[in-house]
PDB file of N, CA and C in Angstrom:
ATOM      1  N   MET A   1      -9.069  -5.800  12.312  1.00  0.00           N
ATOM      2  CA  MET A   1      -9.445  -4.942  11.241  1.00  0.00           C
ATOM      3  C   MET A   1      -8.041  -4.045  10.954  1.00  0.00           C
ATOM      4  N   ALA A   2      -7.855  -3.980  10.002  1.00  0.00           N
ATOM      5  CA  ALA A   2      -6.527  -2.988   9.267  1.00  0.00           C
ATOM      6  C   ALA A   2      -7.281  -1.407   9.333  1.00  0.00           C
ATOM      7  N   HIS A   3      -6.713  -0.684  10.113  1.00  0.00           N
ATOM      8  CA  HIS A   3      -6.930   0.897   9.996  1.00  0.00           C
ATOM      9  C   HIS A   3      -5.969   1.715   9.102  1.00  0.00           C
ATOM     10  N   GLN A   4      -4.686   1.128   8.959  1.00  0.00           N
ATOM     11  CA  GLN A   4      -3.713   1.626   8.260  1.00  0.00           C
ATOM     12  C   GLN A   4      -3.169   0.532   7.193  1.00  0.00           C
ATOM     13  N   ILE A   5      -3.114   0.726   6.103  1.00  0.00           N
ATOM     14  CA  ILE A   5      -2.644  -0.088   5.125  1.00  0.00           C
ATOM     15  C   ILE A   5      -1.725   0.559   4.232  1.00  0.00           C
ATOM     16  N   LEU A   6      -0.387  -0.254   3.771  1.00  0.00           N
ATOM     17  CA  LEU A   6       0.351   0.150   2.913  1.00  0.00           C
ATOM     18  C   LEU A   6       0.329  -0.786   1.522  1.00  0.00           C
ATOM     19  N   GLU A   7       0.461  -0.193   0.407  1.00  0.00           N
ATOM     20  CA  GLU A   7       0.614  -1.032  -0.496  1.00  0.00           C
ATOM     21  C   GLU A   7       1.712  -0.704  -1.595  1.00  0.00           C
ATOM     22  N   ILE A   8       2.390  -1.512  -1.890  1.00  0.00           N
ATOM     23  CA  ILE A   8       3.839  -1.310  -2.735  1.00  0.00           C
ATOM     24  C   ILE A   8       3.314  -1.855  -4.211  1.00  0.00           C
ATOM     25  N   GLY A   9       3.005  -1.035  -5.193  1.00  0.00           N
ATOM     26  CA  GLY A   9       2.625  -1.427  -6.443  1.00  0.00           C
ATOM     27  C   GLY A   9       1.217  -1.476  -6.610  1.00  0.00           C
ATOM     28  N   THR A  10       0.518  -0.365  -7.073  1.00  0.00           N
ATOM     29  CA  THR A  10      -0.773  -0.141  -7.234  1.00  0.00           C
ATOM     30  C   THR A  10      -1.208  -0.760  -8.375  1.00  0.00           C
ATOM     31  N   GLY A  11      -0.535  -0.575  -9.646  1.00  0.00           N
ATOM     32  CA  GLY A  11      -0.913  -1.128 -10.761  1.00  0.00           C
ATOM     33  C   GLY A  11      -2.238  -0.385 -11.353  1.00  0.00           C
ATOM     34  N   THR A  12      -3.154  -1.204 -11.694  1.00  0.00           N
ATOM     35  CA  THR A  12      -4.374  -0.227 -12.220  1.00  0.00           C
ATOM     36  C   THR A  12      -5.422  -0.099 -10.850  1.00  0.00           C
ATOM     37  N   GLY A  13      -4.955  -0.875  -9.699  1.00  0.00           N
ATOM     38  CA  GLY A  13      -5.902  -0.576  -8.400  1.00  0.00           C
ATOM     39  C   GLY A  13      -6.692  -1.427  -8.257  1.00  0.00           C
ATOM     40  N   ASP A  14      -7.016  -2.763  -8.909  1.00  0.00           N
ATOM     41  CA  ASP A  14      -7.778  -3.713  -8.502  1.00  0.00           C
ATOM     42  C   ASP A  14      -7.581  -4.041  -7.170  1.00  0.00           C
ATOM     43  N   GLU A  15      -6.481  -4.549  -6.638  1.00  0.00           N
ATOM     44  CA  GLU A  15      -6.318  -4.910  -5.198  1.00  0.00           C
ATOM     45  C   GLU A  15      -6.639  -3.655  -4.391  1.00  0.00           C
ATOM     46  N   THR A  16      -6.171  -2.457  -4.709  1.00  0.00           N
ATOM     47  CA  THR A  16      -6.145  -1.692  -3.959  1.00  0.00           C
ATOM     48  C   THR A  16      -7.855  -1.217  -3.532  1.00  0.00           C
ATOM     49  N   LEU A  17      -8.448  -1.251  -4.642  1.00  0.00           N
ATOM     50  CA  LEU A  17     -10.001  -0.932  -4.308  1.00  0.00           C
ATOM     51  C   LEU A  17     -10.569  -2.230  -3.294  1.00  0.00           C
ATOM     52  N   LYS A  18      -9.989  -3.388  -3.399  1.00  0.00           N
ATOM     53  CA  LYS A  18     -10.639  -4.465  -2.513  1.00  0.00           C
ATOM     54  C   LYS A  18     -10.199  -4.113  -1.106  1.00  0.00           C
ATOM     55  N   LEU A  19      -8.932  -3.718  -1.034  1.00  0.00           N
ATOM     56  CA  LEU A  19      -8.521  -3.407   0.335  1.00  0.00           C
ATOM     57  C   LEU A  19      -9.207  -2.118   0.829  1.00  0.00           C
ATOM     58  N   ALA A  20      -9.068  -1.116   0.102  1.00  0.00           N
ATOM     59  CA  ALA A  20      -9.924   0.015   0.493  1.00  0.00           C
ATOM     60  C   ALA A  20     -11.404  -0.182   1.068  1.00  0.00           C
ATOM     61  N   THR A  21     -12.134  -1.070   0.572  1.00  0.00           N
ATOM     62  CA  THR A  21     -13.320  -1.193   0.706  1.00  0.00           C
ATOM     63  C   THR A  21     -13.523  -1.803   2.478  1.00  0.00           C
ATOM     64  N   SER A  22     -12.231  -2.568   2.632  1.00  0.00           N
ATOM     65  CA  SER A  22     -12.293  -3.284   3.903  1.00  0.00           C
ATOM     66  C   SER A  22     -11.932  -2.086   5.139  1.00  0.00           C
ATOM     67  N   LEU A  23     -11.728  -0.951   4.726  1.00  0.00           N
ATOM     68  CA  LEU A  23     -11.484  -0.019   5.655  1.00  0.00           C
ATOM     69  C   LEU A  23     -12.448   0.557   6.632  1.00  0.00           C
ATOM     70  N   PRO A  24     -12.282   0.538   7.973  1.00  0.00           N
ATOM     71  CA  PRO A  24     -13.374   1.176   8.667  1.00  0.00           C
ATOM     72  C   PRO A  24     -13.307   2.783   8.339  1.00  0.00           C
ATOM     73  N   ALA A  25     -14.474   3.474   8.878  1.00  0.00           N
ATOM     74  CA  ALA A  25     -14.336   5.020   8.782  1.00  0.00           C
ATOM     75  C   ALA A  25     -12.931   5.548   9.396  1.00  0.00           C
ATOM     76  N   GLY A  26     -12.624   6.356   8.675  1.00  0.00           N
ATOM     77  CA  GLY A  26     -11.367   6.733   9.319  1.00  0.00           C
ATOM     78  C   GLY A  26     -10.077   6.193   8.993  1.00  0.00           C
ATOM     79  N   GLY A  27     -10.262   5.030   8.154  1.00  0.00           N
ATOM     80  CA  GLY A  27      -8.886   4.300   7.479  1.00  0.00           C
ATOM     81  C   GLY A  27      -8.329   5.130   6.579  1.00  0.00           C
ATOM     82  N   LEU A  28      -7.000   4.500   6.492  1.00  0.00           N
ATOM     83  CA  LEU A  28      -6.362   5.163   5.252  1.00  0.00           C
ATOM     84  C   LEU A  28      -5.478   3.955   4.635  1.00  0.00           C
ATOM     85  N   LEU A  29      -5.436   4.004   3.441  1.00  0.00           N
ATOM     86  CA  LEU A  29      -4.682   2.927   2.498  1.00  0.00           C
ATOM     87  C   LEU A  29      -3.663   3.845   1.779  1.00  0.00           C
ATOM     88  N   ILE A  30      -2.163   3.793   1.816  1.00  0.00           N
ATOM     89  CA  ILE A  30      -1.355   4.526   1.029  1.00  0.00           C
ATOM     90  C   ILE A  30      -0.673   3.522   0.131  1.00  0.00           C
ATOM     91  N   THR A  31      -0.730   4.109  -1.264  1.00  0.00           N
ATOM     92  CA  THR A  31      -0.314   3.041  -2.352  1.00  0.00           C
ATOM     93  C   THR A  31       0.646   3.756  -2.874  1.00  0.00           C
ATOM     94  N   MET A  32       1.843   2.891  -3.507  1.00  0.00           N
ATOM     95  CA  MET A  32       2.787   3.306  -4.187  1.00  0.00           C
ATOM     96  C   MET A  32       2.992   2.786  -5.480  1.00  0.00           C
ATOM     97  N   GLU A  33       3.090   3.733  -6.579  1.00  0.00           N
ATOM     98  CA  GLU A  33       3.086   3.322  -8.077  1.00  0.00           C
ATOM     99  C   GLU A  33       4.282   3.926  -8.820  1.00  0.00           C
ATOM    100  N   ALA A  34       5.141   3.145  -9.406  1.00  0.00           N
ATOM    101  CA  ALA A  34       6.269   3.800 -10.136  1.00  0.00           C
ATOM    102  C   ALA A  34       5.844   4.601 -11.198  1.00  0.00           C
ATOM    103  N   SER A  35       4.924   3.851 -12.139  1.00  0.00           N
ATOM    104  CA  SER A  35       4.362   4.302 -13.422  1.00  0.00           C
ATOM    105  C   SER A  35       3.380   5.582 -13.189  1.00  0.00           C
ATOM    106  N   PRO A  36       3.679   6.997 -13.600  1.00  0.00           N
ATOM    107  CA  PRO A  36       2.887   7.920 -13.562  1.00  0.00           C
ATOM    108  C   PRO A  36       1.240   7.677 -14.139  1.00  0.00           C
ATOM    109  N   ASP A  37       1.375   6.827 -15.281  1.00  0.00           N
ATOM    110  CA  ASP A  37       0.156   6.506 -16.103  1.00  0.00           C
ATOM    111  C   ASP A  37      -0.621   5.459 -15.576  1.00  0.00           C
ATOM    112  N   ARG A  38       0.090   4.586 -14.858  1.00  0.00           N
ATOM    113  CA  ARG A  38      -1.029   3.594 -13.818  1.00  0.00           C
ATOM    114  C   ARG A  38      -1.561   4.330 -12.760  1.00  0.00           C
ATOM    115  N   ALA A  39      -0.751   5.013 -12.240  1.00  0.00           N
ATOM    116  CA  ALA A  39      -1.093   5.977 -10.997  1.00  0.00           C
ATOM    117  C   ALA A  39      -2.455   6.663 -11.553  1.00  0.00           C
ATOM    118  N   ALA A  40      -2.257   7.378 -12.553  1.00  0.00           N
ATOM    119  CA  ALA A  40      -3.376   8.243 -13.035  1.00  0.00           C
ATOM    120  C   ALA A  40      -4.668   7.617 -13.064  1.00  0.00           C
ATOM    121  N   GLN A  41      -4.375   6.279 -13.823  1.00  0.00           N
ATOM    122  CA  GLN A  41      -5.418   5.519 -14.187  1.00  0.00           C
ATOM    123  C   GLN A  41      -6.345   4.844 -12.877  1.00  0.00           C
ATOM    124  N   ALA A  42      -5.381   4.539 -11.931  1.00  0.00           N
ATOM    125  CA  ALA A  42      -5.951   4.235 -10.696  1.00  0.00           C
ATOM    126  C   ALA A  42      -6.526   5.154  -9.801  1.00  0.00           C
ATOM    127  N   ARG A  43      -5.943   6.215  -9.901  1.00  0.00           N
ATOM    128  CA  ARG A  43      -6.832   7.336  -9.228  1.00  0.00           C
ATOM    129  C   ARG A  43      -7.969   7.736  -9.825  1.00  0.00           C
ATOM    130  N   THR A  44      -8.096   7.634 -10.968  1.00  0.00           N
ATOM    131  CA  THR A  44      -9.554   7.890 -11.685  1.00  0.00           C
ATOM    132  C   THR A  44     -10.613   6.629 -11.268  1.00  0.00           C
ATOM    133  N   ARG A  45     -10.128   5.616 -11.172  1.00  0.00           N
ATOM    134  CA  ARG A  45     -10.595   4.364 -10.619  1.00  0.00           C
ATOM    135  C   ARG A  45     -11.287   4.573  -9.260  1.00  0.00           C
ATOM    136  N   PHE A  46     -10.474   5.118  -8.195  1.00  0.00           N
ATOM    137  CA  PHE A  46     -10.674   5.441  -7.223  1.00  0.00           C
ATOM    138  C   PHE A  46     -11.542   6.517  -6.775  1.00  0.00           C
ATOM    139  N   ALA A  47     -11.591   7.420  -7.535  1.00  0.00           N
ATOM    140  CA  ALA A  47     -12.727   8.511  -7.699  1.00  0.00           C
ATOM    141  C   ALA A  47     -14.018   7.857  -7.837  1.00  0.00           C
ATOM    142  N   ASP A  48     -13.840   7.216  -9.215  1.00  0.00           N
ATOM    143  CA  ASP A  48     -15.295   6.541  -9.603  1.00  0.00           C
ATOM    144  C   ASP A  48     -15.939   5.706  -8.569  1.00  0.00           C
ATOM    145  N   ALA A  49     -15.064   5.019  -7.779  1.00  0.00           N
ATOM    146  CA  ALA A  49     -15.596   4.152  -6.785  1.00  0.00           C
ATOM    147  C   ALA A  49     -15.989   4.858  -5.440  1.00  0.00           C
ATOM    148  N   ALA A  50     -15.645   6.247  -5.429  1.00  0.00           N
ATOM    149  CA  ALA A  50     -16.040   7.089  -4.316  1.00  0.00           C
ATOM    150  C   ALA A  50     -15.201   6.450  -3.225  1.00  0.00           C
ATOM    151  N   LEU A  51     -13.958   6.231  -3.577  1.00  0.00           N
ATOM    152  CA  LEU A  51     -12.966   5.851  -2.376  1.00  0.00           C
ATOM    153  C   LEU A  51     -11.832   6.554  -2.248  1.00  0.00           C
ATOM    154  N   ALA A  52     -11.640   7.848  -2.840  1.00  0.00           N
ATOM    155  CA  ALA A  52     -10.414   8.456  -3.131  1.00  0.00           C
ATOM    156  C   ALA A  52     -10.151   9.337  -1.931  1.00  0.00           C
ATOM    157  N   ASP A  53     -11.171   9.329  -0.878  1.00  0.00           N
ATOM    158  CA  ASP A  53     -10.956   9.968   0.334  1.00  0.00           C
ATOM    159  C   ASP A  53      -9.968   9.050   1.126  1.00  0.00           C
ATOM    160  N   ARG A  54     -10.269   7.597   0.916  1.00  0.00           N
ATOM    161  CA  ARG A  54      -9.497   6.772   1.615  1.00  0.00           C
ATOM    162  C   ARG A  54      -8.327   6.292   1.248  1.00  0.00           C
ATOM    163  N   ILE A  55      -7.826   6.775   0.029  1.00  0.00           N
ATOM    164  CA  ILE A  55      -6.685   6.158  -0.826  1.00  0.00           C
ATOM    165  C   ILE A  55      -5.611   7.425  -0.981  1.00  0.00           C
ATOM    166  N   SER A  56      -4.578   7.204  -0.798  1.00  0.00           N
ATOM    167  CA  SER A  56      -3.429   8.427  -1.145  1.00  0.00           C
ATOM    168  C   SER A  56      -2.427   7.724  -1.916  1.00  0.00           C
ATOM    169  N   VAL A  57      -2.385   8.009  -3.281  1.00  0.00           N
ATOM    170  CA  VAL A  57      -1.357   7.648  -4.175  1.00  0.00           C
ATOM    171  C   VAL A  57      -0.067   8.190  -4.165  1.00  0.00           C
ATOM    172  N   ILE A  58       1.135   7.435  -4.228  1.00  0.00           N
ATOM    173  CA  ILE A  58       2.492   8.099  -4.052  1.00  0.00           C
ATOM    174  C   ILE A  58       2.975   7.701  -5.388  1.00  0.00           C
ATOM    175  N   ILE A  59       3.205   8.378  -6.421  1.00  0.00           N
ATOM    176  CA  ILE A  59       3.993   7.953  -7.598  1.00  0.00           C
ATOM    177  C   ILE A  59       5.757   8.361  -7.506  1.00  0.00           C
ATOM    178  N   GLY A  60       6.252   7.137  -7.883  1.00  0.00           N
ATOM    179  CA  GLY A  60       7.746   6.966  -7.846  1.00  0.00           C
ATOM    180  C   GLY A  60       7.963   5.722  -7.357  1.00  0.00           C
ATOM    181  N   GLU A  61       9.226   5.525  -7.372  1.00  0.00           N
ATOM    182  CA  GLU A  61      10.040   4.176  -6.773  1.00  0.00           C
ATOM    183  C   GLU A  61       9.734   4.117  -5.108  1.00  0.00           C
ATOM    184  N   PRO A  62       9.074   3.147  -4.708  1.00  0.00           N
ATOM    185  CA  PRO A  62       9.191   3.126  -3.397  1.00  0.00           C
ATOM    186  C   PRO A  62      10.420   3.086  -2.499  1.00  0.00           C
ATOM    187  N   LYS A  63      11.594   2.965  -2.800  1.00  0.00           N
ATOM    188  CA  LYS A  63      12.744   2.811  -2.076  1.00  0.00           C
ATOM    189  C   LYS A  63      12.941   4.393  -2.089  1.00  0.00           C
ATOM    190  N   ARG A  64      12.398   5.521  -2.823  1.00  0.00           N
ATOM    191  CA  ARG A  64      12.904   6.738  -2.661  1.00  0.00           C
ATOM    192  C   ARG A  64      11.712   7.376  -1.868  1.00  0.00           C
ATOM    193  N   PHE A  65      10.696   7.007  -1.433  1.00  0.00           N
ATOM    194  CA  PHE A  65       9.898   7.624  -0.472  1.00  0.00           C
ATOM    195  C   PHE A  65       9.483   6.664   1.018  1.00  0.00           C
ATOM    196  N   LEU A  66       9.838   5.613   0.918  1.00  0.00           N
ATOM    197  CA  LEU A  66       9.448   4.322   2.325  1.00  0.00           C
ATOM    198  C   LEU A  66      10.240   5.490   3.467  1.00  0.00           C
ATOM    199  N   HIS A  67      11.433   5.848   3.479  1.00  0.00           N
ATOM    200  CA  HIS A  67      11.735   6.593   4.505  1.00  0.00           C
ATOM    201  C   HIS A  67      11.074   7.783   5.076  1.00  0.00           C
ATOM    202  N   LYS A  68      10.240   8.249   4.331  1.00  0.00           N
ATOM    203  CA  LYS A  68       9.259   9.333   4.696  1.00  0.00           C
ATOM    204  C   LYS A  68       8.099   8.956   5.448  1.00  0.00           C
ATOM    205  N   LEU A  69       7.761   7.793   5.416  1.00  0.00           N
ATOM    206  CA  LEU A  69       6.418   7.209   5.989  1.00  0.00           C
ATOM    207  C   LEU A  69       6.667   6.866   7.397  1.00  0.00           C
ATOM    208  N   ARG A  70       5.901   7.231   8.102  1.00  0.00           N
ATOM    209  CA  ARG A  70       5.867   6.937   9.582  1.00  0.00           C
ATOM    210  C   ARG A  70       5.174   5.573   9.920  1.00  0.00           C
ATOM    211  N   GLY A  71       4.189   5.374   9.549  1.00  0.00           N
ATOM    212  CA  GLY A  71       3.450   4.162  10.035  1.00  0.00           C
ATOM    213  C   GLY A  71       2.738   4.245  11.459  1.00  0.00           C
ATOM    214  N   PRO A  72       2.448   3.529  12.160  1.00  0.00           N
ATOM    215  CA  PRO A  72       2.545   2.141  11.930  1.00  0.00           C
ATOM    216  C   PRO A  72       1.512   1.726  10.989  1.00  0.00           C
ATOM    217  N   PHE A  73       1.709   0.479  10.199  1.00  0.00           N
ATOM    218  CA  PHE A  73       0.586   0.140   9.339  1.00  0.00           C
ATOM    219  C   PHE A  73       0.228  -1.427   9.839  1.00  0.00           C
ATOM    220  N   ASP A  74      -0.963  -1.698   9.740  1.00  0.00           N
ATOM    221  CA  ASP A  74      -1.553  -2.899  10.342  1.00  0.00           C
ATOM    222  C   ASP A  74      -1.405  -3.936   9.167  1.00  0.00           C
ATOM    223  N   LEU A  75      -1.359  -3.565   8.088  1.00  0.00           N
ATOM    224  CA  LEU A  75      -1.025  -4.353   6.939  1.00  0.00           C
ATOM    225  C   LEU A  75      -0.278  -3.794   5.806  1.00  0.00           C
ATOM    226  N   ILE A  76       0.440  -4.411   5.299  1.00  0.00           N
ATOM    227  CA  ILE A  76       1.350  -4.194   4.246  1.00  0.00           C
ATOM    228  C   ILE A  76       1.600  -5.061   3.177  1.00  0.00           C
ATOM    229  N   VAL A  77       1.124  -4.640   2.004  1.00  0.00           N
ATOM    230  CA  VAL A  77       0.984  -5.739   0.806  1.00  0.00           C
ATOM    231  C   VAL A  77       2.331  -5.098  -0.439  1.00  0.00           C
ATOM    232  N   GLN A  78       3.001  -6.119  -0.649  1.00  0.00           N
ATOM    233  CA  GLN A  78       4.067  -5.713  -1.504  1.00  0.00           C
ATOM    234  C   GLN A  78       3.678  -6.655  -2.776  1.00  0.00           C
ATOM    235  N   ASN A  79       3.036  -6.099  -3.725  1.00  0.00           N
ATOM    236  CA  ASN A  79       2.672  -6.886  -4.948  1.00  0.00           C
ATOM    237  C   ASN A  79       3.793  -7.262  -5.698  1.00  0.00           C
ATOM    238  N   ASP A  80       4.959  -6.722  -5.550  1.00  0.00           N
ATOM    239  CA  ASP A  80       6.021  -7.538  -6.662  1.00  0.00           C
ATOM    240  C   ASP A  80       7.186  -7.939  -5.799  1.00  0.00           C
ATOM    241  N   PRO A  81       7.103  -8.867  -4.960  1.00  0.00           N
ATOM    242  CA  PRO A  81       8.213  -8.950  -4.157  1.00  0.00           C
ATOM    243  C   PRO A  81       9.557  -9.463  -5.045  1.00  0.00           C
ATOM    244  N   ASN A  82       9.511  -9.759  -6.154  1.00  0.00           N
ATOM    245  CA  ASN A  82      11.077  -9.888  -6.687  1.00  0.00           C
ATOM    246  C   ASN A  82      11.528  -8.774  -7.010  1.00  0.00           C
ATOM    247  N   ASP A  83      10.590  -7.359  -6.912  1.00  0.00           N
ATOM    248  CA  ASP A  83      11.320  -6.197  -7.140  1.00  0.00           C
ATOM    249  C   ASP A  83      11.680  -5.477  -5.653  1.00  0.00           C
ATOM    250  N   SER A  84      12.246  -6.255  -4.647  1.00  0.00           N
ATOM    251  CA  SER A  84      12.013  -5.905  -3.255  1.00  0.00           C
ATOM    252  C   SER A  84      13.317  -4.760  -3.269  1.00  0.00           C
ATOM    253  N   ASP A  85      14.210  -4.888  -3.839  1.00  0.00           N
ATOM    254  CA  ASP A  85      15.112  -3.494  -3.577  1.00  0.00           C
ATOM    255  C   ASP A  85      15.724  -3.348  -2.251  1.00  0.00           C
ATOM    256  N   GLY A  86      15.816  -4.305  -1.517  1.00  0.00           N
ATOM    257  CA  GLY A  86      16.029  -4.334  -0.306  1.00  0.00           C
ATOM    258  C   GLY A  86      15.078  -3.446   0.888  1.00  0.00           C
ATOM    259  N   LEU A  87      13.764  -3.562   0.428  1.00  0.00           N
ATOM    260  CA  LEU A  87      12.892  -2.875   1.154  1.00  0.00           C
ATOM    261  C   LEU A  87      12.490  -3.789   2.474  1.00  0.00           C
ATOM    262  N   HIS A  88      12.709  -4.849   2.366  1.00  0.00           N
ATOM    263  CA  HIS A  88      12.136  -5.812   3.371  1.00  0.00           C
ATOM    264  C   HIS A  88      12.478  -5.360   4.974  1.00  0.00           C
ATOM    265  N   ASP A  89      13.399  -4.860   5.300  1.00  0.00           N
ATOM    266  CA  ASP A  89      13.717  -4.570   6.734  1.00  0.00           C
ATOM    267  C   ASP A  89      12.931  -3.256   7.008  1.00  0.00           C
ATOM    268  N   ARG A  90      12.844  -2.238   6.081  1.00  0.00           N
ATOM    269  CA  ARG A  90      11.972  -1.028   6.181  1.00  0.00           C
ATOM    270  C   ARG A  90      10.594  -1.387   6.163  1.00  0.00           C
ATOM    271  N   LEU A  91      10.172  -2.316   5.528  1.00  0.00           N
ATOM    272  CA  LEU A  91       8.602  -2.495   5.689  1.00  0.00           C
ATOM    273  C   LEU A  91       8.468  -3.464   6.949  1.00  0.00           C
ATOM    274  N   ILE A  92       9.029  -4.177   7.582  1.00  0.00           N
ATOM    275  CA  ILE A  92       8.928  -4.601   8.770  1.00  0.00           C
ATOM    276  C   ILE A  92       9.077  -3.605   9.897  1.00  0.00           C
ATOM    277  N   ALA A  93       9.970  -2.593   9.637  1.00  0.00           N
ATOM    278  CA  ALA A  93      10.023  -1.598  10.442  1.00  0.00           C
ATOM    279  C   ALA A  93       8.726  -0.563  10.651  1.00  0.00           C
ATOM    280  N   LEU A  94       8.072  -0.421   9.456  1.00  0.00           N
ATOM    281  CA  LEU A  94       6.901   0.208   9.534  1.00  0.00           C
ATOM    282  C   LEU A  94       5.468  -0.760   9.977  1.00  0.00           C
ATOM    283  N   LEU A  95       5.643  -1.840  10.377  1.00  0.00           N
ATOM    284  CA  LEU A  95       4.459  -2.595  10.870  1.00  0.00           C
ATOM    285  C   LEU A  95       4.255  -2.273  12.231  1.00  0.00           C
ATOM    286  N   ALA A  96       3.018  -2.088  12.499  1.00  0.00           N
ATOM    287  CA  ALA A  96       2.310  -2.076  13.851  1.00  0.00           C
ATOM    288  C   ALA A  96       2.396  -3.320  14.731  1.00  0.00           C
ATOM    289  N   PRO A  97       2.717  -3.331  15.969  1.00  0.00           N
ATOM    290  CA  PRO A  97       2.701  -4.653  16.767  1.00  0.00           C
ATOM    291  C   PRO A  97       1.499  -5.470  16.153  1.00  0.00           C
ATOM    292  N   GLY A  98       1.755  -6.844  15.713  1.00  0.00           N
ATOM    293  CA  GLY A  98       0.826  -7.460  15.502  1.00  0.00           C
ATOM    294  C   GLY A  98       0.325  -7.406  14.024  1.00  0.00           C
ATOM    295  N   GLY A  99       0.939  -6.484  13.095  1.00  0.00           N
ATOM    296  CA  GLY A  99       0.831  -6.233  11.986  1.00  0.00           C
ATOM    297  C   GLY A  99       1.336  -7.272  11.014  1.00  0.00           C
ATOM    298  N   VAL A 100       0.859  -7.315   9.691  1.00  0.00           N
ATOM    299  CA  VAL A 100       0.937  -8.477   8.631  1.00  0.00           C
ATOM    300  C   VAL A 100       1.678  -7.892   7.455  1.00  0.00           C
ATOM    301  N   LEU A 101       2.599  -8.295   6.928  1.00  0.00           N
ATOM    302  CA  LEU A 101       3.459  -8.095   5.605  1.00  0.00           C
ATOM    303  C   LEU A 101       3.162  -9.254   4.675  1.00  0.00           C
ATOM    304  N   ILE A 102       2.552  -8.876   3.426  1.00  0.00           N
ATOM    305  CA  ILE A 102       2.478  -9.805   2.644  1.00  0.00           C
ATOM    306  C   ILE A 102       3.321  -9.747   1.405  1.00  0.00           C
ATOM    307  N   ARG A 103       4.226 -10.364   0.983  1.00  0.00           N
ATOM    308  CA  ARG A 103       4.943 -10.177  -0.223  1.00  0.00           C
ATOM    309  C   ARG A 103       4.708 -11.439  -1.275  1.00  0.00           C
ATOM    310  N   GLY A 104       3.808 -11.111  -2.108  1.00  0.00           N
ATOM    311  CA  GLY A 104       3.474 -12.226  -3.048  1.00  0.00           C
ATOM    312  C   GLY A 104       2.792 -13.201  -2.344  1.00  0.00           C
ATOM    313  N   ASN A 105       3.282 -14.319  -2.177  1.00  0.00           N
ATOM    314  CA  ASN A 105       2.664 -15.456  -1.672  1.00  0.00           C
ATOM    315  C   ASN A 105       3.138 -15.912  -0.203  1.00  0.00           C
ATOM    316  N   LYS A 106       3.797 -14.712   0.274  1.00  0.00           N
ATOM    317  CA  LYS A 106       4.583 -15.089   1.589  1.00  0.00           C
ATOM    318  C   LYS A 106       4.090 -14.159   2.578  1.00  0.00           C
ATOM    319  N   LYS A 107       3.720 -14.518   3.819  1.00  0.00           N
ATOM    320  CA  LYS A 107       2.970 -13.789   4.867  1.00  0.00           C
ATOM    321  C   LYS A 107       4.033 -13.714   5.998  1.00  0.00           C
ATOM    322  N   TYR A 108       4.203 -12.422   6.561  1.00  0.00           N
ATOM    323  CA  TYR A 108       5.120 -12.448   7.683  1.00  0.00           C
ATOM    324  C   TYR A 108       4.445 -11.369   8.591  1.00  0.00           C
ATOM    325  N   SER A 109       4.756 -11.927  10.002  1.00  0.00           N
ATOM    326  CA  SER A 109       3.781 -11.316  11.034  1.00  0.00           C
ATOM    327  C   SER A 109       4.826 -10.636  12.012  1.00  0.00           C
ATOM    328  N   VAL A 110       4.696  -9.632  12.896  1.00  0.00           N
ATOM    329  CA  VAL A 110       5.522  -9.003  13.697  1.00  0.00           C
ATOM    330  C   VAL A 110       4.574  -9.161  15.353  1.00  0.00           C
TER     331      VAL A 110
END
């Protein structure tokens, strides 16, 4: 069971909500969204679903913020693997031992 999740590409929050409901008590999901409008829409949805306490939204390009994250993350989901901007190595470094990185339809484990 994942306790720490990182999501790249929040969108309107559909997948984020599904992931957050799987978190145990005390779990955390950090999601990154480049679009301020989509991030605001997603935050509203998280609050309406009473999951805002489990979800932290970072607004901006992931490549600008990934170096600030410590991890480790049990699960990392990169929703748009075509827009990787060389993030793969950093995402792998953020994984916990036994963690999983999902990029589109590809799954990587460490």
